[in-house]
N, C-alpha and C. Protein backbone atom coordinates (compact mmCIF):
# COMPACT_ATOMS: atom_id res chain seq x y z
N MET A 1 92.23 -29.44 4.76
CA MET A 1 91.25 -29.77 5.36
C MET A 1 91.36 -31.42 5.42
N ARG A 2 92.37 -32.09 4.72
CA ARG A 2 92.18 -33.35 4.71
C ARG A 2 92.56 -33.73 6.35
N THR A 3 93.60 -33.31 6.52
CA THR A 3 94.19 -33.42 7.74
C THR A 3 92.89 -33.23 8.98
N PHE A 4 92.43 -31.93 8.81
CA PHE A 4 91.58 -31.43 9.95
C PHE A 4 90.30 -32.55 9.80
N PHE A 5 89.59 -33.09 8.81
CA PHE A 5 88.70 -34.11 8.65
C PHE A 5 89.30 -35.60 9.22
N THR A 6 90.60 -35.97 8.68
CA THR A 6 91.11 -37.01 9.39
C THR A 6 91.32 -37.10 10.87
N ALA A 7 91.58 -35.99 11.56
CA ALA A 7 91.56 -35.63 13.10
C ALA A 7 90.30 -36.03 13.64
N LEU A 8 89.19 -35.16 13.16
CA LEU A 8 87.62 -35.51 13.41
C LEU A 8 87.65 -37.29 13.41
N SER A 9 87.87 -37.52 12.53
CA SER A 9 87.67 -39.21 12.56
C SER A 9 88.29 -40.04 13.47
N VAL A 10 89.47 -39.56 13.62
CA VAL A 10 90.21 -40.40 14.82
C VAL A 10 89.61 -39.84 15.99
N TYR A 11 89.48 -38.70 16.49
CA TYR A 11 88.56 -38.35 17.61
C TYR A 11 87.34 -39.29 17.89
N ALA A 12 86.57 -39.47 17.08
CA ALA A 12 85.29 -39.98 17.21
C ALA A 12 85.67 -41.72 17.21
N ILE A 13 86.50 -42.12 16.26
CA ILE A 13 86.75 -43.63 16.79
C ILE A 13 87.50 -43.76 18.05
N CYS A 14 88.11 -42.92 18.77
CA CYS A 14 88.96 -43.04 20.01
C CYS A 14 87.84 -43.18 21.17
N TYR A 15 86.67 -42.43 21.19
CA TYR A 15 85.57 -42.11 21.86
C TYR A 15 84.60 -43.56 21.88
N LEU A 16 84.76 -44.09 20.59
CA LEU A 16 84.01 -45.15 20.42
C LEU A 16 85.10 -46.38 21.13
N LEU A 17 85.97 -46.43 21.07
CA LEU A 17 87.02 -47.35 21.78
C LEU A 17 87.17 -47.18 23.13
N VAL A 18 87.35 -46.12 23.58
CA VAL A 18 87.08 -45.77 24.93
C VAL A 18 85.63 -46.50 25.75
N ARG A 19 84.59 -46.01 25.23
CA ARG A 19 83.52 -47.02 25.47
C ARG A 19 83.65 -48.18 25.66
N ILE A 20 83.89 -48.70 24.47
CA ILE A 20 84.34 -50.30 24.38
C ILE A 20 85.12 -50.89 25.58
N ALA A 21 86.07 -49.99 25.64
CA ALA A 21 86.93 -50.37 26.92
C ALA A 21 86.36 -50.27 28.49
N ARG A 22 85.59 -48.93 28.32
CA ARG A 22 84.92 -48.65 29.75
C ARG A 22 83.70 -48.21 29.52
N PRO A 23 82.52 -49.14 29.60
CA PRO A 23 81.03 -49.10 29.39
C PRO A 23 80.50 -47.91 30.27
N ALA A 24 81.18 -47.74 31.61
CA ALA A 24 80.32 -46.62 31.94
C ALA A 24 81.14 -45.20 31.48
N PHE A 25 81.65 -45.03 30.24
CA PHE A 25 82.03 -43.92 30.01
C PHE A 25 81.00 -42.83 29.45
N THR A 26 81.04 -41.72 29.83
CA THR A 26 80.01 -40.97 28.99
C THR A 26 80.72 -39.93 27.75
N LEU A 27 80.37 -39.79 27.27
CA LEU A 27 80.44 -38.69 25.93
C LEU A 27 80.37 -37.30 26.48
N PRO A 28 81.69 -36.57 26.31
CA PRO A 28 81.16 -35.12 26.82
C PRO A 28 80.49 -34.55 25.89
N GLU A 29 79.49 -33.70 26.35
CA GLU A 29 78.32 -33.07 25.73
C GLU A 29 79.06 -32.34 24.50
N ASP A 30 79.93 -31.61 24.46
CA ASP A 30 80.56 -30.96 23.49
C ASP A 30 81.23 -31.93 22.42
N SER A 31 81.40 -32.99 22.67
CA SER A 31 81.94 -33.98 21.55
C SER A 31 80.85 -34.69 20.52
N ARG A 32 79.32 -34.39 20.71
CA ARG A 32 78.39 -35.08 20.49
C ARG A 32 78.53 -34.66 18.95
N ILE A 33 79.04 -33.82 18.47
CA ILE A 33 79.07 -32.92 17.37
C ILE A 33 79.67 -34.16 16.26
N LEU A 34 80.65 -34.89 16.57
CA LEU A 34 81.65 -35.55 15.86
C LEU A 34 80.53 -36.83 15.33
N PHE A 35 79.08 -37.15 15.93
CA PHE A 35 78.15 -38.17 15.62
C PHE A 35 77.03 -37.57 15.08
N GLU A 36 76.95 -36.25 15.07
CA GLU A 36 75.68 -35.62 14.87
C GLU A 36 75.41 -35.04 13.54
N GLU A 37 76.64 -34.36 13.02
CA GLU A 37 76.59 -33.18 11.55
C GLU A 37 77.21 -33.76 10.55
N ASP A 38 75.93 -33.80 9.54
CA ASP A 38 76.47 -34.42 8.34
C ASP A 38 77.58 -33.95 7.69
N TRP A 39 78.27 -33.08 8.15
CA TRP A 39 79.96 -32.98 7.46
C TRP A 39 80.98 -33.73 7.80
N VAL A 40 80.53 -34.58 8.54
CA VAL A 40 81.52 -34.97 9.56
C VAL A 40 81.79 -36.62 8.69
N PRO A 41 83.00 -36.43 8.22
CA PRO A 41 83.42 -37.78 7.43
C PRO A 41 83.05 -39.09 8.16
N GLY A 42 82.53 -39.85 7.12
CA GLY A 42 82.17 -41.36 7.62
C GLY A 42 81.06 -40.96 8.99
N ARG A 43 80.39 -40.01 8.82
CA ARG A 43 79.19 -40.07 10.01
C ARG A 43 78.09 -41.20 9.98
N GLU A 44 77.90 -41.82 8.62
CA GLU A 44 76.84 -42.77 8.75
C GLU A 44 77.61 -44.04 9.61
N ALA A 45 78.52 -44.56 9.35
CA ALA A 45 79.67 -45.54 10.08
C ALA A 45 79.40 -45.43 11.53
N ILE A 46 80.41 -44.06 11.79
CA ILE A 46 80.21 -43.95 13.36
C ILE A 46 79.42 -43.45 13.86
N THR A 47 78.09 -42.97 13.37
CA THR A 47 76.63 -42.74 14.20
C THR A 47 76.25 -44.02 14.51
N LYS A 48 76.33 -44.83 13.67
CA LYS A 48 75.72 -46.43 13.63
C LYS A 48 76.47 -46.81 15.00
N ALA A 49 77.62 -46.88 14.75
CA ALA A 49 78.59 -47.41 16.15
C ALA A 49 78.21 -46.69 17.69
N PHE A 50 77.94 -45.52 17.40
CA PHE A 50 77.94 -44.39 18.53
C PHE A 50 76.49 -44.98 19.12
N GLU A 51 75.05 -45.30 18.47
CA GLU A 51 74.44 -45.57 19.04
C GLU A 51 74.31 -46.85 19.48
N GLN A 52 75.00 -47.83 18.93
CA GLN A 52 74.88 -49.03 19.42
C GLN A 52 75.82 -49.17 20.66
N LEU A 53 76.80 -48.60 20.63
CA LEU A 53 77.66 -48.37 22.04
C LEU A 53 77.15 -47.85 23.15
N PHE A 54 76.65 -46.46 22.95
CA PHE A 54 75.84 -45.61 23.99
C PHE A 54 74.42 -45.63 24.30
N LYS A 55 73.85 -46.70 23.19
CA LYS A 55 72.40 -47.02 23.63
C LYS A 55 71.57 -45.66 23.69
N GLU A 56 71.84 -44.90 22.55
CA GLU A 56 71.10 -43.81 22.54
C GLU A 56 71.37 -42.99 21.17
N ARG A 57 70.22 -42.46 20.63
CA ARG A 57 69.91 -42.20 19.26
C ARG A 57 70.90 -40.70 19.15
N ALA A 58 71.72 -40.54 17.95
CA ALA A 58 72.32 -39.57 17.93
C ALA A 58 71.76 -38.22 16.85
N SER A 59 71.61 -37.32 17.46
CA SER A 59 70.84 -36.48 16.26
C SER A 59 71.23 -35.85 15.06
N HIS A 60 70.57 -36.13 14.03
CA HIS A 60 71.33 -35.49 12.92
C HIS A 60 71.02 -34.20 12.64
N GLY A 61 72.33 -33.77 12.37
CA GLY A 61 72.21 -32.24 12.11
C GLY A 61 71.90 -31.52 10.73
């Protein structure tokens, strides 16, 4: 489970880094779960970064 949750965190951070490098990047709809679900580790921090970078609110599941 630790490996799974670490992989989720890495994917989320990679999407944020891509957005920084390519401001026109749009997040694939199926990947929004990384920023919306309560069970994602570190959700509060990555959701805050998501909302600042993507200029939209992440719905909280």
